[in-house]
């Protein structure tokens, strides 16, 4: 059963499990919601990679999808992630700005220094929450929403996400990668109310290594 954080006639907010696609296809999140809630219309307005879990909102009407998508385009849709990366980040906080390009054949995003129509600006802000055993726990807020943005930007600096072999991390025994959609803030598409949702990553490694820090972060105002 999916963990439903909020549901009404216009939207549903849930916690997407690792390994489930966020798009509408057999076994994808919209199909699972239809089975669980017994209603037909669920529209994806933002995506999480299949190997990433955490908070997502889906629209339950065409108009709600349109209004939520407009918030995403206007950068009024606030997405905050937790990630565990290899290496020691040198600064307690910072902004990563890059040009990203996509290799469709390899299904991989990479940092490029050559401007062009296929190179898109990517910006994120991060805070270092803790470091242990050669790993760093970071809190990330996206300013842009590029495919594999977090994975590509951190790995390009020698800080691949734990479990992310596609971007150069060593092999480990875990499902998915150490990236979690932690908080989501947006405006309700019908009422205009400001909504805020959060969900903690599962109590498994490598998250368990930082569980005390994560709980402290969750309790902070």
C-alpha atoms as a PDB file:
ATOM      1  CA  UNK A   1       0.000   0.000   0.000  1.00  0.00           C
ATOM      2  CA  UNK A   2       1.229   3.480  -0.880  1.00  0.00           C
ATOM      3  CA  UNK A   3       1.713   5.975   1.942  1.00  0.00           C
ATOM      4  CA  UNK A   4      -0.894   8.686   1.223  1.00  0.00           C
ATOM      5  CA  UNK A   5       0.021  11.982   2.914  1.00  0.00           C
ATOM      6  CA  UNK A   6      -2.980  14.006   1.649  1.00  0.00           C
ATOM      7  CA  UNK A   7      -5.894  13.510  -0.708  1.00  0.00           C
ATOM      8  CA  UNK A   8      -8.880  15.532  -1.900  1.00  0.00           C
ATOM      9  CA  UNK A   9     -10.879  15.904  -5.130  1.00  0.00           C
ATOM     10  CA  UNK A  10      -8.085  17.821  -6.899  1.00  0.00           C
ATOM     11  CA  UNK A  11      -4.759  16.369  -5.745  1.00  0.00           C
ATOM     12  CA  UNK A  12      -3.133  13.467  -3.982  1.00  0.00           C
ATOM     13  CA  UNK A  13       0.206  13.654  -2.187  1.00  0.00           C
ATOM     14  CA  UNK A  14       1.965  10.376  -1.552  1.00  0.00           C
ATOM     15  CA  UNK A  15       5.354   8.848  -0.890  1.00  0.00           C
ATOM     16  CA  UNK A  16       6.648   7.163  -4.051  1.00  0.00           C
ATOM     17  CA  UNK A  17       8.525   3.953  -3.303  1.00  0.00           C
ATOM     18  CA  UNK A  18      11.986   3.379  -4.730  1.00  0.00           C
ATOM     19  CA  UNK A  19      11.760   1.238  -7.852  1.00  0.00           C
ATOM     20  CA  UNK A  20       8.350   2.546  -8.990  1.00  0.00           C
ATOM     21  CA  UNK A  21       8.127   4.746 -12.088  1.00  0.00           C
ATOM     22  CA  UNK A  22       6.436   8.115 -11.596  1.00  0.00           C
ATOM     23  CA  UNK A  23       4.947   8.080 -15.115  1.00  0.00           C
ATOM     24  CA  UNK A  24       1.612   6.576 -16.165  1.00  0.00           C
ATOM     25  CA  UNK A  25       2.492   3.099 -17.408  1.00  0.00           C
ATOM     26  CA  UNK A  26       1.909  -0.448 -16.199  1.00  0.00           C
ATOM     27  CA  UNK A  27       3.028  -0.624 -12.569  1.00  0.00           C
ATOM     28  CA  UNK A  28       3.693   3.115 -12.421  1.00  0.00           C
ATOM     29  CA  UNK A  29       2.607   5.392  -9.602  1.00  0.00           C
ATOM     30  CA  UNK A  30      -0.604   6.668 -11.259  1.00  0.00           C
ATOM     31  CA  UNK A  31      -1.768   3.095 -11.933  1.00  0.00           C
ATOM     32  CA  UNK A  32      -1.021   2.065  -8.338  1.00  0.00           C
ATOM     33  CA  UNK A  33      -3.005   5.042  -7.044  1.00  0.00           C
ATOM     34  CA  UNK A  34      -5.956   4.137  -9.239  1.00  0.00           C
ATOM     35  CA  UNK A  35      -5.990   0.644  -7.776  1.00  0.00           C
ATOM     36  CA  UNK A  36      -5.587   1.840  -4.187  1.00  0.00           C
ATOM     37  CA  UNK A  37      -8.041   4.763  -4.231  1.00  0.00           C
ATOM     38  CA  UNK A  38     -10.516   3.390  -6.737  1.00  0.00           C
ATOM     39  CA  UNK A  39     -10.653   6.475  -8.974  1.00  0.00           C
ATOM     40  CA  UNK A  40      -9.443   6.974 -12.518  1.00  0.00           C
ATOM     41  CA  UNK A  41      -7.715  10.310 -13.043  1.00  0.00           C
ATOM     42  CA  UNK A  42      -4.160  10.789 -11.804  1.00  0.00           C
ATOM     43  CA  UNK A  43      -1.845  13.082 -13.781  1.00  0.00           C
ATOM     44  CA  UNK A  44       1.901  13.368 -13.184  1.00  0.00           C
ATOM     45  CA  UNK A  45       3.030  17.024 -12.967  1.00  0.00           C
ATOM     46  CA  UNK A  46       6.608  16.423 -11.812  1.00  0.00           C
ATOM     47  CA  UNK A  47       8.801  13.355 -11.839  1.00  0.00           C
ATOM     48  CA  UNK A  48      11.180  11.365  -9.709  1.00  0.00           C
ATOM     49  CA  UNK A  49      13.663   8.925 -11.193  1.00  0.00           C
ATOM     50  CA  UNK A  50      12.704   5.295 -10.749  1.00  0.00           C
ATOM     51  CA  UNK A  51      15.662   4.805  -8.380  1.00  0.00           C
ATOM     52  CA  UNK A  52      14.519   7.729  -6.180  1.00  0.00           C
ATOM     53  CA  UNK A  53      11.729   7.695  -3.590  1.00  0.00           C
ATOM     54  CA  UNK A  54       9.876  10.310  -1.593  1.00  0.00           C
ATOM     55  CA  UNK A  55       7.144  12.923  -1.694  1.00  0.00           C
ATOM     56  CA  UNK A  56       5.197  13.521  -4.910  1.00  0.00           C
ATOM     57  CA  UNK A  57       1.950  15.294  -5.786  1.00  0.00           C
ATOM     58  CA  UNK A  58      -0.338  14.138  -8.591  1.00  0.00           C
ATOM     59  CA  UNK A  59      -3.308  15.989 -10.027  1.00  0.00           C
ATOM     60  CA  UNK A  60      -6.794  14.461 -10.035  1.00  0.00           C
ATOM     61  CA  UNK A  61      -8.209  16.668 -12.778  1.00  0.00           C
ATOM     62  CA  UNK A  62      -7.011  18.265 -16.002  1.00  0.00           C
ATOM     63  CA  UNK A  63      -7.385  21.779 -14.578  1.00  0.00           C
ATOM     64  CA  UNK A  64      -5.450  20.899 -11.417  1.00  0.00           C
ATOM     65  CA  UNK A  65      -2.655  19.458 -13.566  1.00  0.00           C
ATOM     66  CA  UNK A  66      -2.551  22.639 -15.634  1.00  0.00           C
ATOM     67  CA  UNK A  67      -2.297  24.898 -12.571  1.00  0.00           C
ATOM     68  CA  UNK A  68       0.327  22.761 -10.841  1.00  0.00           C
ATOM     69  CA  UNK A  69       2.391  22.582 -14.033  1.00  0.00           C
ATOM     70  CA  UNK A  70       2.236  26.379 -14.241  1.00  0.00           C
ATOM     71  CA  UNK A  71       3.691  26.574 -10.722  1.00  0.00           C
ATOM     72  CA  UNK A  72       6.514  24.252 -11.754  1.00  0.00           C
ATOM     73  CA  UNK A  73       7.283  26.406 -14.803  1.00  0.00           C
ATOM     74  CA  UNK A  74       7.192  29.608 -12.713  1.00  0.00           C
ATOM     75  CA  UNK A  75       9.520  28.041 -10.091  1.00  0.00           C
ATOM     76  CA  UNK A  76       6.855  28.418  -7.418  1.00  0.00           C
ATOM     77  CA  UNK A  77       7.047  24.692  -6.724  1.00  0.00           C
ATOM     78  CA  UNK A  78       9.620  24.081  -3.994  1.00  0.00           C
ATOM     79  CA  UNK A  79      11.347  20.663  -3.998  1.00  0.00           C
ATOM     80  CA  UNK A  80      13.836  19.751  -1.268  1.00  0.00           C
ATOM     81  CA  UNK A  81      15.896  16.568  -1.292  1.00  0.00           C
ATOM     82  CA  UNK A  82      18.173  14.650   1.037  1.00  0.00           C
ATOM     83  CA  UNK A  83      21.207  12.937  -0.467  1.00  0.00           C
ATOM     84  CA  UNK A  84      24.224  11.020   0.778  1.00  0.00           C
ATOM     85  CA  UNK A  85      27.320  11.457  -1.365  1.00  0.00           C
ATOM     86  CA  UNK A  86      30.812  10.035  -1.347  1.00  0.00           C
ATOM     87  CA  UNK A  87      33.517  12.437  -0.211  1.00  0.00           C
ATOM     88  CA  UNK A  88      33.849  15.457   2.048  1.00  0.00           C
ATOM     89  CA  UNK A  89      32.243  18.662   0.813  1.00  0.00           C
ATOM     90  CA  UNK A  90      34.608  21.569   1.495  1.00  0.00           C
ATOM     91  CA  UNK A  91      31.936  24.153   2.356  1.00  0.00           C
ATOM     92  CA  UNK A  92      28.957  24.003   4.758  1.00  0.00           C
ATOM     93  CA  UNK A  93      26.647  25.385   2.079  1.00  0.00           C
ATOM     94  CA  UNK A  94      26.770  26.562  -1.494  1.00  0.00           C
ATOM     95  CA  UNK A  95      25.192  26.878  -4.911  1.00  0.00           C
ATOM     96  CA  UNK A  96      26.085  24.623  -7.834  1.00  0.00           C
ATOM     97  CA  UNK A  97      25.617  26.169 -11.276  1.00  0.00           C
ATOM     98  CA  UNK A  98      26.354  24.241 -14.466  1.00  0.00           C
ATOM     99  CA  UNK A  99      25.376  23.723 -18.064  1.00  0.00           C
ATOM    100  CA  UNK A 100      23.907  20.255 -18.469  1.00  0.00           C
ATOM    101  CA  UNK A 101      23.577  18.226 -21.659  1.00  0.00           C
ATOM    102  CA  UNK A 102      21.981  14.858 -22.227  1.00  0.00           C
ATOM    103  CA  UNK A 103      23.309  11.689 -23.846  1.00  0.00           C
ATOM    104  CA  UNK A 104      20.074   9.948 -24.947  1.00  0.00           C
ATOM    105  CA  UNK A 105      21.787   6.718 -25.932  1.00  0.00           C
ATOM    106  CA  UNK A 106      23.417   6.313 -22.517  1.00  0.00           C
ATOM    107  CA  UNK A 107      20.434   7.907 -20.724  1.00  0.00           C
ATOM    108  CA  UNK A 108      22.937  10.018 -18.875  1.00  0.00           C
ATOM    109  CA  UNK A 109      23.257  13.737 -18.119  1.00  0.00           C
ATOM    110  CA  UNK A 110      26.648  15.405 -18.064  1.00  0.00           C
ATOM    111  CA  UNK A 111      28.184  18.808 -17.305  1.00  0.00           C
ATOM    112  CA  UNK A 112      29.358  20.675 -20.387  1.00  0.00           C
ATOM    113  CA  UNK A 113      31.305  23.901 -20.790  1.00  0.00           C
ATOM    114  CA  UNK A 114      30.117  24.428 -24.357  1.00  0.00           C
ATOM    115  CA  UNK A 115      27.008  26.610 -24.737  1.00  0.00           C
ATOM    116  CA  UNK A 116      24.458  25.422 -27.270  1.00  0.00           C
ATOM    117  CA  UNK A 117      20.801  24.681 -27.828  1.00  0.00           C
ATOM    118  CA  UNK A 118      21.155  21.338 -26.062  1.00  0.00           C
ATOM    119  CA  UNK A 119      23.001  22.769 -23.035  1.00  0.00           C
ATOM    120  CA  UNK A 120      20.646  23.928 -20.303  1.00  0.00           C
ATOM    121  CA  UNK A 121      21.485  25.902 -17.176  1.00  0.00           C
ATOM    122  CA  UNK A 122      21.095  23.954 -13.927  1.00  0.00           C
ATOM    123  CA  UNK A 123      21.180  25.511 -10.461  1.00  0.00           C
ATOM    124  CA  UNK A 124      20.789  24.009  -6.998  1.00  0.00           C
ATOM    125  CA  UNK A 125      21.501  25.094  -3.431  1.00  0.00           C
ATOM    126  CA  UNK A 126      22.829  22.727  -0.804  1.00  0.00           C
ATOM    127  CA  UNK A 127      23.507  22.590   2.932  1.00  0.00           C
ATOM    128  CA  UNK A 128      25.906  20.108   4.481  1.00  0.00           C
ATOM    129  CA  UNK A 129      24.145  18.397   7.398  1.00  0.00           C
ATOM    130  CA  UNK A 130      26.841  15.973   8.492  1.00  0.00           C
ATOM    131  CA  UNK A 131      29.859  13.857   7.538  1.00  0.00           C
ATOM    132  CA  UNK A 132      30.680  10.309   8.635  1.00  0.00           C
ATOM    133  CA  UNK A 133      32.859   7.469   7.348  1.00  0.00           C
ATOM    134  CA  UNK A 134      33.803   9.285   4.162  1.00  0.00           C
ATOM    135  CA  UNK A 135      30.191  10.189   3.339  1.00  0.00           C
ATOM    136  CA  UNK A 136      28.349  13.518   3.429  1.00  0.00           C
ATOM    137  CA  UNK A 137      24.655  14.079   4.112  1.00  0.00           C
ATOM    138  CA  UNK A 138      23.325  17.097   2.213  1.00  0.00           C
ATOM    139  CA  UNK A 139      20.015  18.905   1.985  1.00  0.00           C
ATOM    140  CA  UNK A 140      19.344  20.148  -1.545  1.00  0.00           C
ATOM    141  CA  UNK A 141      16.871  22.656  -2.926  1.00  0.00           C
ATOM    142  CA  UNK A 142      16.459  22.771  -6.687  1.00  0.00           C
ATOM    143  CA  UNK A 143      16.197  26.056  -8.524  1.00  0.00           C
ATOM    144  CA  UNK A 144      15.849  24.234 -11.846  1.00  0.00           C
ATOM    145  CA  UNK A 145      14.501  20.791 -12.643  1.00  0.00           C
ATOM    146  CA  UNK A 146      16.746  19.069 -15.158  1.00  0.00           C
ATOM    147  CA  UNK A 147      16.847  15.330 -15.779  1.00  0.00           C
ATOM    148  CA  UNK A 148      19.310  13.691 -13.356  1.00  0.00           C
ATOM    149  CA  UNK A 149      20.373  17.189 -12.265  1.00  0.00           C
ATOM    150  CA  UNK A 150      21.419  16.384  -8.701  1.00  0.00           C
ATOM    151  CA  UNK A 151      23.147  13.178  -9.756  1.00  0.00           C
ATOM    152  CA  UNK A 152      25.121  14.851 -12.559  1.00  0.00           C
ATOM    153  CA  UNK A 153      26.107  18.016 -10.709  1.00  0.00           C
ATOM    154  CA  UNK A 154      27.435  16.265  -7.610  1.00  0.00           C
ATOM    155  CA  UNK A 155      29.199  13.466  -9.483  1.00  0.00           C
ATOM    156  CA  UNK A 156      30.960  15.991 -11.756  1.00  0.00           C
ATOM    157  CA  UNK A 157      32.688  17.363  -8.647  1.00  0.00           C
ATOM    158  CA  UNK A 158      33.798  13.955  -7.421  1.00  0.00           C
ATOM    159  CA  UNK A 159      30.850  13.467  -5.039  1.00  0.00           C
ATOM    160  CA  UNK A 160      28.674  10.735  -6.595  1.00  0.00           C
ATOM    161  CA  UNK A 161      25.555   9.721  -4.713  1.00  0.00           C
ATOM    162  CA  UNK A 162      25.823   6.473  -2.781  1.00  0.00           C
ATOM    163  CA  UNK A 163      24.577   3.597  -4.927  1.00  0.00           C
ATOM    164  CA  UNK A 164      24.549   5.626  -8.147  1.00  0.00           C
ATOM    165  CA  UNK A 165      26.748   3.430 -10.348  1.00  0.00           C
ATOM    166  CA  UNK A 166      25.533   5.210 -13.498  1.00  0.00           C
ATOM    167  CA  UNK A 167      27.361   8.312 -12.247  1.00  0.00           C
ATOM    168  CA  UNK A 168      30.507   6.674 -10.934  1.00  0.00           C
ATOM    169  CA  UNK A 169      29.676   5.520  -7.400  1.00  0.00           C
ATOM    170  CA  UNK A 170      31.061   2.213  -6.128  1.00  0.00           C
ATOM    171  CA  UNK A 171      28.680  -0.737  -6.089  1.00  0.00           C
ATOM    172  CA  UNK A 172      26.796  -1.211  -2.811  1.00  0.00           C
ATOM    173  CA  UNK A 173      23.949  -3.456  -1.743  1.00  0.00           C
ATOM    174  CA  UNK A 174      20.925  -1.165  -1.661  1.00  0.00           C
ATOM    175  CA  UNK A 175      17.745  -0.584  -3.597  1.00  0.00           C
ATOM    176  CA  UNK A 176      17.884   2.615  -5.621  1.00  0.00           C
ATOM    177  CA  UNK A 177      20.297   5.410  -4.766  1.00  0.00           C
ATOM    178  CA  UNK A 178      20.781   7.668  -1.735  1.00  0.00           C
ATOM    179  CA  UNK A 179      18.521  10.448  -2.983  1.00  0.00           C
ATOM    180  CA  UNK A 180      15.156  11.178  -1.384  1.00  0.00           C
ATOM    181  CA  UNK A 181      12.390  13.685  -2.139  1.00  0.00           C
ATOM    182  CA  UNK A 182      12.151  15.040   1.383  1.00  0.00           C
ATOM    183  CA  UNK A 183       9.913  18.116   1.286  1.00  0.00           C
ATOM    184  CA  UNK A 184       7.426  19.544  -1.179  1.00  0.00           C
ATOM    185  CA  UNK A 185       5.776  22.972  -1.016  1.00  0.00           C
ATOM    186  CA  UNK A 186       3.238  24.377  -3.466  1.00  0.00           C
ATOM    187  CA  UNK A 187      -0.102  26.168  -3.681  1.00  0.00           C
ATOM    188  CA  UNK A 188      -3.310  24.164  -3.819  1.00  0.00           C
ATOM    189  CA  UNK A 189      -4.591  24.438  -7.408  1.00  0.00           C
ATOM    190  CA  UNK A 190      -8.167  25.146  -6.336  1.00  0.00           C
ATOM    191  CA  UNK A 191      -8.093  26.861  -2.934  1.00  0.00           C
ATOM    192  CA  UNK A 192      -4.802  28.754  -3.259  1.00  0.00           C
ATOM    193  CA  UNK A 193      -3.723  27.490   0.173  1.00  0.00           C
ATOM    194  CA  UNK A 194       0.018  27.092   0.757  1.00  0.00           C
ATOM    195  CA  UNK A 195       0.744  23.397   1.348  1.00  0.00           C
ATOM    196  CA  UNK A 196       3.855  21.779   2.811  1.00  0.00           C
ATOM    197  CA  UNK A 197       4.583  18.047   3.030  1.00  0.00           C
ATOM    198  CA  UNK A 198       7.553  15.981   4.131  1.00  0.00           C
ATOM    199  CA  UNK A 199       8.556  12.334   4.495  1.00  0.00           C
ATOM    200  CA  UNK A 200      11.672  10.795   6.004  1.00  0.00           C
ATOM    201  CA  UNK A 201      13.800   8.308   4.067  1.00  0.00           C
ATOM    202  CA  UNK A 202      13.518   4.643   5.068  1.00  0.00           C
ATOM    203  CA  UNK A 203      15.363   3.381   8.122  1.00  0.00           C
ATOM    204  CA  UNK A 204      17.935   1.422   6.137  1.00  0.00           C
ATOM    205  CA  UNK A 205      21.573   1.938   5.216  1.00  0.00           C
ATOM    206  CA  UNK A 206      23.055   4.317   4.289  1.00  0.00           C
ATOM    207  CA  UNK A 207      20.279   6.569   5.691  1.00  0.00           C
ATOM    208  CA  UNK A 208      20.480   4.853   9.082  1.00  0.00           C
ATOM    209  CA  UNK A 209      24.066   6.093   9.436  1.00  0.00           C
ATOM    210  CA  UNK A 210      22.690   9.652   9.624  1.00  0.00           C
ATOM    211  CA  UNK A 211      19.319   8.941  11.292  1.00  0.00           C
ATOM    212  CA  UNK A 212      19.975  11.190  14.298  1.00  0.00           C
ATOM    213  CA  UNK A 213      20.918  14.132  12.063  1.00  0.00           C
ATOM    214  CA  UNK A 214      17.905  13.570   9.793  1.00  0.00           C
ATOM    215  CA  UNK A 215      15.511  13.527  12.760  1.00  0.00           C
ATOM    216  CA  UNK A 216      17.082  16.733  14.069  1.00  0.00           C
ATOM    217  CA  UNK A 217      16.633  18.363  10.665  1.00  0.00           C
ATOM    218  CA  UNK A 218      12.999  17.253  10.550  1.00  0.00           C
ATOM    219  CA  UNK A 219      12.338  18.750  13.996  1.00  0.00           C
ATOM    220  CA  UNK A 220      13.898  22.114  13.097  1.00  0.00           C
ATOM    221  CA  UNK A 221      11.408  24.969  12.522  1.00  0.00           C
END
